[in-house]
Amino acid sequence: MKRLPFLTPAQRRALLVLEWVLLIGIIIYSVWSWQSPKTENDRITKQREWNGTPLKQYTYAVEEMSVETFPFDPNTADSTTLLRLGLAPRQVRAIYRYRARLGRYHTPEDFMNVPGMTVEQWERLRPYVRIAKEFQYVAPTHVPSTEEEGRKGSSKGNNRKTISLASIEDTAKESPSSSGEGLGRGPKLSPGQTININTADTTLLKMIPGIASKRAARIVAYRKALGGFVSFEQAMEAIEMPDSVLQYMTVSAIPITKININKLSVQQMMKHPYLNFYQAKAIFEHRRNKGELHSIEELSRLEAFKPTDIDRLRPYIEF
């Protein structure tokens, strides 16, 4: 008030009273606004409290998404189906990314690697996973399971002869009846003759009954991506083929092209057929957080790898 010297003492007192009236009014309005009901339900509740009417307790039902269990193929199931099975949206997105970038699920156990898969989910879904025949691996039963048994069988009883590029014309002359057998044109092998799939080009591979240009090209490309075959059964991973082609195949021991998993990026590791995105990422994260890997045993301790994955990778990686 002293800053207003032009006011009389009476005017100063009137102004002070006005200030107090405004302050009290603001306080009353604030308290009233805070206690007044904001919605119609709040208004009814307050009215009942003032009238002494007992309040009823209301329970609101929240709709929960029901979880279903039924047979499904993870290679063809859409997002609606996967959500009905109780999978989280992030798991559904991971399945779609896997199918788009890394191929298909070939065994029910492959589906177990979905990120965030719990024991309860896997035990519930495992009996209902159905892999269509076209996505399954070929499981030969009439060929030796190891390279040594294959060589043993070729040297005993089977009388199998390995064909080279220089002998293609001779084979066509010696076995004119075999020309035109199977898929494709040109001379075909006779029973007992074999081709070394670690060194054969597409011309030689097309001599195998059941293999034409497309399959031969896929086998050569898959061999290059792997770094070489250690077993002739690996040719069946390149493309779907009849089991009968295996009797015409053999494999020789050659220097395998290995990859150094301590030096490659995630994208570079994913180019190898035996490493998927989640495994390459697990290796990268280990290198970033704990340092380089030093042995196959250390790699096997990563959660992204199963024993079968380690067995397949063993000939192809170095540290």
Protein backbone atom coordinates (compact mmCIF):
# COMPACT_ATOMS: atom_id res chain seq x y z
CA MET A 1 0.00 0.00 0.00
CA LYS A 2 2.89 2.32 0.60
CA ARG A 3 3.65 2.13 -3.09
CA LEU A 4 0.35 3.86 -3.81
CA PRO A 5 0.89 7.31 -2.21
CA PHE A 6 -1.80 8.91 -4.34
CA LEU A 7 -4.53 6.91 -2.48
CA THR A 8 -6.15 8.15 0.63
CA PRO A 9 -6.06 6.02 3.80
CA ALA A 10 -9.72 5.08 3.32
CA GLN A 11 -9.10 3.97 -0.25
CA ARG A 12 -6.15 1.88 0.86
CA ARG A 13 -8.28 0.09 3.46
CA ALA A 14 -11.02 -0.58 0.89
CA LEU A 15 -8.46 -2.01 -1.52
CA LEU A 16 -7.05 -4.31 1.20
CA VAL A 17 -10.55 -5.62 2.01
CA LEU A 18 -11.15 -6.28 -1.68
CA GLU A 19 -7.93 -8.29 -1.93
CA TRP A 20 -8.94 -10.47 1.00
CA VAL A 21 -12.41 -11.05 -0.47
CA LEU A 22 -10.89 -12.17 -3.78
CA LEU A 23 -8.41 -14.50 -2.02
CA ILE A 24 -11.15 -16.14 0.07
CA GLY A 25 -13.32 -16.52 -3.05
CA ILE A 26 -10.52 -18.25 -4.93
CA ILE A 27 -9.95 -20.66 -2.02
CA ILE A 28 -13.67 -21.49 -1.77
CA TYR A 29 -13.94 -22.10 -5.53
CA SER A 30 -10.90 -24.38 -5.52
CA VAL A 31 -12.28 -26.49 -2.65
CA TRP A 32 -15.68 -26.71 -4.32
CA SER A 33 -14.18 -27.75 -7.67
CA TRP A 34 -12.05 -30.43 -6.01
CA GLN A 35 -14.99 -31.97 -4.14
CA SER A 36 -17.63 -31.64 -6.87
CA PRO A 37 -18.33 -34.81 -8.91
CA LYS A 38 -16.61 -34.97 -12.26
CA THR A 39 -18.96 -37.47 -13.98
CA GLU A 40 -22.59 -38.51 -13.75
CA ASN A 41 -21.63 -41.61 -11.77
CA ASP A 42 -19.69 -39.50 -9.31
CA ARG A 43 -22.69 -37.16 -8.95
CA ILE A 44 -25.04 -40.07 -8.18
CA THR A 45 -22.54 -41.49 -5.69
CA LYS A 46 -22.21 -38.16 -3.90
CA GLN A 47 -26.00 -37.72 -3.85
CA ARG A 48 -26.43 -41.12 -2.23
CA GLU A 49 -23.78 -40.32 0.34
CA TRP A 50 -25.55 -37.08 1.26
CA ASN A 51 -28.96 -38.83 1.46
CA GLY A 52 -27.60 -41.68 3.59
CA THR A 53 -28.44 -44.29 0.92
CA PRO A 54 -26.13 -47.34 1.18
CA LEU A 55 -23.90 -47.76 -1.84
CA LYS A 56 -23.97 -50.92 -3.91
CA GLN A 57 -20.75 -52.57 -4.95
CA TYR A 58 -20.46 -53.01 -8.72
CA THR A 59 -18.11 -55.45 -10.40
CA TYR A 60 -17.19 -54.93 -14.04
CA ALA A 61 -16.25 -57.95 -16.12
CA VAL A 62 -13.09 -57.56 -18.18
CA GLU A 63 -13.13 -59.66 -21.30
CA GLU A 64 -10.13 -61.99 -21.44
CA MET A 65 -8.79 -63.53 -24.61
CA SER A 66 -9.45 -67.24 -24.51
CA VAL A 67 -6.55 -69.56 -25.32
CA GLU A 68 -7.33 -72.42 -27.68
CA THR A 69 -5.36 -75.53 -28.54
CA PHE A 70 -5.74 -77.28 -31.88
CA PRO A 71 -3.51 -78.78 -34.62
CA PHE A 72 -1.64 -76.16 -36.66
CA ASP A 73 1.23 -75.83 -39.11
CA PRO A 74 3.62 -73.02 -38.09
CA ASN A 75 4.64 -72.62 -41.75
CA THR A 76 1.14 -71.67 -42.94
CA ALA A 77 -0.74 -70.44 -39.86
CA ASP A 78 -1.80 -66.79 -40.06
CA SER A 79 -1.57 -64.23 -37.26
CA THR A 80 -5.16 -64.80 -36.11
CA THR A 81 -4.54 -68.52 -35.70
CA LEU A 82 -1.29 -67.97 -33.81
CA LEU A 83 -2.93 -65.47 -31.45
CA ARG A 84 -5.76 -67.91 -30.77
CA LEU A 85 -3.11 -70.44 -29.69
CA GLY A 86 -2.04 -68.07 -26.93
CA LEU A 87 1.13 -66.70 -28.55
CA ALA A 88 2.02 -63.09 -27.81
CA PRO A 89 1.98 -60.53 -30.64
CA ARG A 90 5.75 -60.21 -30.49
CA GLN A 91 6.06 -63.98 -30.91
CA VAL A 92 3.75 -63.85 -33.93
CA ARG A 93 5.90 -61.12 -35.47
CA ALA A 94 9.03 -63.21 -34.83
CA ILE A 95 7.42 -66.21 -36.58
CA TYR A 96 6.57 -64.07 -39.61
CA ARG A 97 10.14 -62.69 -39.73
CA TYR A 98 11.56 -66.21 -39.51
CA ARG A 99 9.38 -67.45 -42.36
CA ALA A 100 10.18 -64.43 -44.52
CA ARG A 101 13.93 -64.32 -44.00
CA LEU A 102 15.15 -67.72 -42.85
CA GLY A 103 12.91 -70.29 -44.52
CA ARG A 104 10.49 -72.72 -42.92
CA TYR A 105 10.13 -74.88 -39.84
CA HIS A 106 11.17 -78.41 -40.80
CA THR A 107 10.61 -80.19 -37.48
CA PRO A 108 8.37 -79.47 -34.47
CA GLU A 109 11.52 -78.86 -32.42
CA ASP A 110 12.42 -75.92 -34.69
CA PHE A 111 9.25 -74.18 -33.49
CA MET A 112 10.54 -74.41 -29.93
CA ASN A 113 13.07 -71.66 -30.77
CA VAL A 114 10.36 -68.98 -31.06
CA PRO A 115 11.51 -66.08 -28.81
CA GLY A 116 9.76 -66.01 -25.46
CA MET A 117 8.49 -69.60 -25.73
CA THR A 118 7.82 -70.81 -22.20
CA VAL A 119 7.85 -74.38 -20.94
CA GLU A 120 4.09 -74.21 -20.38
CA GLN A 121 3.49 -73.02 -23.95
CA TRP A 122 5.76 -75.64 -25.49
CA GLU A 123 4.30 -78.54 -23.51
CA ARG A 124 0.79 -77.44 -24.50
CA LEU A 125 1.53 -76.81 -28.21
CA ARG A 126 4.07 -79.58 -28.92
CA PRO A 127 1.52 -82.41 -29.54
CA TYR A 128 -0.39 -80.17 -31.96
CA VAL A 129 2.47 -78.97 -34.20
CA ARG A 130 1.99 -80.39 -37.69
CA ILE A 131 4.69 -79.94 -40.34
CA ALA A 132 3.41 -80.42 -43.90
CA LYS A 133 5.21 -83.04 -45.93
CA GLU A 134 6.69 -80.51 -48.35
CA PHE A 135 8.49 -78.75 -45.49
CA GLN A 136 9.92 -81.88 -43.82
CA TYR A 137 13.50 -83.03 -44.26
CA VAL A 138 14.01 -86.14 -46.32
CA ALA A 139 15.00 -88.98 -43.99
CA PRO A 140 16.81 -91.67 -46.01
CA THR A 141 16.74 -95.12 -44.44
CA HIS A 142 18.52 -97.24 -47.01
CA VAL A 143 21.93 -95.45 -47.06
CA PRO A 144 24.86 -95.50 -44.60
CA SER A 145 24.56 -92.88 -41.89
CA THR A 146 28.23 -91.83 -41.96
CA GLU A 147 30.83 -91.12 -44.58
CA GLU A 148 32.97 -94.05 -43.41
CA GLU A 149 30.11 -96.49 -43.80
CA GLY A 150 29.43 -95.05 -47.25
CA ARG A 151 33.04 -95.63 -48.32
CA LYS A 152 32.99 -99.08 -46.79
CA GLY A 153 29.84 -99.95 -48.64
CA SER A 154 31.28 -98.64 -51.90
CA SER A 155 34.37 -100.83 -51.59
CA LYS A 156 32.48 -103.97 -50.59
CA GLY A 157 29.60 -105.76 -52.24
CA ASN A 158 28.04 -102.70 -53.91
CA ASN A 159 30.70 -102.47 -56.62
CA ARG A 160 30.04 -98.74 -56.97
CA LYS A 161 32.16 -96.86 -59.50
CA THR A 162 32.79 -93.11 -59.20
CA ILE A 163 32.25 -91.25 -62.46
CA SER A 164 34.42 -88.30 -63.49
CA LEU A 165 33.84 -85.64 -66.12
CA ALA A 166 36.27 -87.33 -68.50
CA SER A 167 34.21 -90.52 -68.50
CA ILE A 168 30.83 -88.99 -69.36
CA GLU A 169 31.06 -89.88 -73.05
CA ASP A 170 32.31 -93.38 -72.23
CA THR A 171 29.41 -93.85 -69.84
CA ALA A 172 26.96 -92.87 -72.55
CA LYS A 173 28.52 -95.41 -74.91
CA GLU A 174 28.76 -98.21 -72.37
CA SER A 175 25.23 -97.67 -71.01
CA PRO A 176 23.11 -96.53 -73.97
CA SER A 177 20.01 -97.91 -72.32
CA SER A 178 20.48 -95.58 -69.34
CA SER A 179 20.35 -92.46 -71.51
CA GLY A 180 17.14 -90.59 -70.86
CA GLU A 181 16.37 -92.29 -67.53
CA GLY A 182 15.08 -90.10 -64.69
CA LEU A 183 14.76 -86.36 -65.13
CA GLY A 184 16.52 -84.32 -67.79
CA ARG A 185 18.31 -85.32 -70.99
CA GLY A 186 21.70 -86.88 -71.63
CA PRO A 187 23.43 -89.97 -70.28
CA LYS A 188 22.40 -91.31 -66.88
CA LEU A 189 24.32 -93.44 -64.40
CA SER A 190 23.74 -97.14 -64.11
CA PRO A 191 23.24 -98.84 -60.72
CA GLY A 192 26.59 -99.17 -58.98
CA GLN A 193 28.04 -95.99 -60.48
CA THR A 194 28.49 -92.91 -58.30
CA ILE A 195 29.50 -89.27 -58.56
CA ASN A 196 31.59 -87.35 -56.04
CA ILE A 197 29.26 -84.48 -55.12
CA ASN A 198 32.09 -82.49 -53.51
CA THR A 199 33.79 -81.94 -56.88
CA ALA A 200 31.04 -82.53 -59.44
CA ASP A 201 29.67 -79.67 -61.51
CA THR A 202 26.10 -79.41 -62.75
CA THR A 203 26.87 -81.46 -65.86
CA LEU A 204 28.00 -84.42 -63.79
CA LEU A 205 25.18 -84.08 -61.29
CA LYS A 206 22.58 -84.19 -64.08
CA MET A 207 23.79 -87.71 -64.90
CA ILE A 208 22.17 -88.92 -61.66
CA PRO A 209 18.68 -90.33 -62.36
CA GLY A 210 16.22 -87.96 -60.72
CA ILE A 211 18.36 -84.81 -61.02
CA ALA A 212 17.92 -82.18 -63.74
CA SER A 213 19.26 -78.66 -64.22
CA LYS A 214 17.40 -77.00 -61.33
CA ARG A 215 18.35 -79.60 -58.73
CA ALA A 216 21.95 -79.75 -59.95
CA ALA A 217 22.29 -75.96 -59.70
CA ARG A 218 20.80 -75.93 -56.19
CA ILE A 219 23.19 -78.65 -55.01
CA VAL A 220 26.23 -76.73 -56.31
CA ALA A 221 25.02 -73.46 -54.77
CA TYR A 222 24.28 -75.15 -51.43
CA ARG A 223 27.73 -76.78 -51.44
CA LYS A 224 29.32 -73.37 -51.97
CA ALA A 225 27.26 -71.79 -49.17
CA LEU A 226 28.20 -74.58 -46.76
CA GLY A 227 31.87 -74.60 -47.66
CA GLY A 228 31.82 -78.24 -48.83
CA PHE A 229 30.00 -81.45 -47.98
CA VAL A 230 31.14 -83.79 -45.22
CA SER A 231 28.37 -86.30 -45.98
CA PHE A 232 26.51 -87.01 -49.21
CA GLU A 233 23.21 -86.92 -47.28
CA GLN A 234 23.68 -83.13 -47.05
CA ALA A 235 22.74 -82.85 -50.73
CA MET A 236 19.16 -83.62 -49.69
CA GLU A 237 19.09 -80.35 -47.73
CA ALA A 238 19.62 -78.31 -50.89
CA ILE A 239 16.29 -79.16 -52.54
CA GLU A 240 13.60 -81.80 -52.27
CA MET A 241 14.68 -84.95 -54.15
CA PRO A 242 13.71 -88.64 -54.19
CA ASP A 243 15.69 -90.88 -51.86
CA SER A 244 16.84 -92.92 -54.83
CA VAL A 245 19.42 -90.28 -55.84
CA LEU A 246 21.57 -91.09 -52.81
CA GLN A 247 22.67 -94.44 -54.19
CA TYR A 248 24.50 -92.55 -56.98
CA MET A 249 26.35 -90.17 -54.66
CA THR A 250 29.59 -90.34 -52.76
CA VAL A 251 31.69 -87.69 -51.06
CA SER A 252 35.45 -87.28 -50.75
CA ALA A 253 37.35 -85.61 -47.97
CA ILE A 254 38.30 -82.10 -49.11
CA PRO A 255 39.42 -79.00 -47.18
CA ILE A 256 36.25 -77.46 -45.80
CA THR A 257 35.88 -73.68 -46.06
CA LYS A 258 35.32 -72.57 -42.46
CA ILE A 259 33.91 -69.31 -41.11
CA ASN A 260 35.39 -67.43 -38.18
CA ILE A 261 32.38 -66.56 -36.02
CA ASN A 262 34.47 -64.13 -33.97
CA LYS A 263 35.05 -61.88 -36.98
CA LEU A 264 31.78 -61.87 -38.95
CA SER A 265 28.74 -59.64 -38.57
CA VAL A 266 25.23 -60.98 -37.96
CA GLN A 267 24.35 -60.61 -41.64
CA GLN A 268 27.52 -62.40 -42.74
CA MET A 269 26.96 -65.31 -40.34
CA MET A 270 23.36 -65.68 -41.52
CA LYS A 271 24.62 -66.48 -45.04
CA HIS A 272 25.71 -69.89 -43.75
CA PRO A 273 22.86 -72.43 -44.09
CA TYR A 274 23.41 -73.75 -40.56
CA LEU A 275 23.14 -70.37 -38.77
CA ASN A 276 19.83 -68.53 -38.38
CA PHE A 277 19.18 -64.97 -37.24
CA TYR A 278 18.72 -65.79 -33.56
CA GLN A 279 21.90 -67.88 -33.41
CA ALA A 280 23.96 -65.25 -35.22
CA LYS A 281 22.59 -62.58 -32.89
CA ALA A 282 23.41 -64.72 -29.83
CA ILE A 283 27.02 -65.03 -31.01
CA PHE A 284 27.23 -61.29 -31.65
CA GLU A 285 25.78 -60.45 -28.21
CA HIS A 286 28.25 -62.83 -26.52
CA ARG A 287 31.15 -61.20 -28.31
CA ARG A 288 29.95 -57.71 -27.34
CA ASN A 289 29.20 -58.50 -23.67
CA LYS A 290 31.64 -61.27 -22.74
CA GLY A 291 34.29 -61.34 -25.45
CA GLU A 292 35.15 -63.77 -28.20
CA LEU A 293 34.24 -67.46 -28.23
CA HIS A 294 37.12 -69.90 -28.00
CA SER A 295 35.70 -73.41 -28.46
CA ILE A 296 32.74 -75.37 -29.73
CA GLU A 297 31.91 -76.29 -26.12
CA GLU A 298 31.61 -72.60 -25.23
CA LEU A 299 29.33 -72.09 -28.23
CA SER A 300 27.12 -74.99 -27.15
CA ARG A 301 26.33 -73.19 -23.87
CA LEU A 302 24.44 -70.45 -25.71
CA GLU A 303 20.68 -70.93 -25.39
CA ALA A 304 20.08 -70.46 -29.13
CA PHE A 305 21.95 -73.69 -29.98
CA LYS A 306 20.71 -77.23 -29.59
CA PRO A 307 23.01 -80.29 -29.63
CA THR A 308 21.96 -81.08 -33.19
CA ASP A 309 22.90 -77.55 -34.28
CA ILE A 310 26.35 -77.93 -32.72
CA ASP A 311 26.94 -81.28 -34.44
CA ARG A 312 26.09 -79.79 -37.84
CA LEU A 313 28.24 -76.69 -37.30
CA ARG A 314 31.29 -78.42 -35.90
CA PRO A 315 33.12 -78.95 -39.26
CA TYR A 316 32.33 -75.45 -40.53
CA ILE A 317 33.39 -72.98 -37.85
CA GLU A 318 36.66 -71.83 -36.39
CA PHE A 319 37.65 -69.47 -33.61
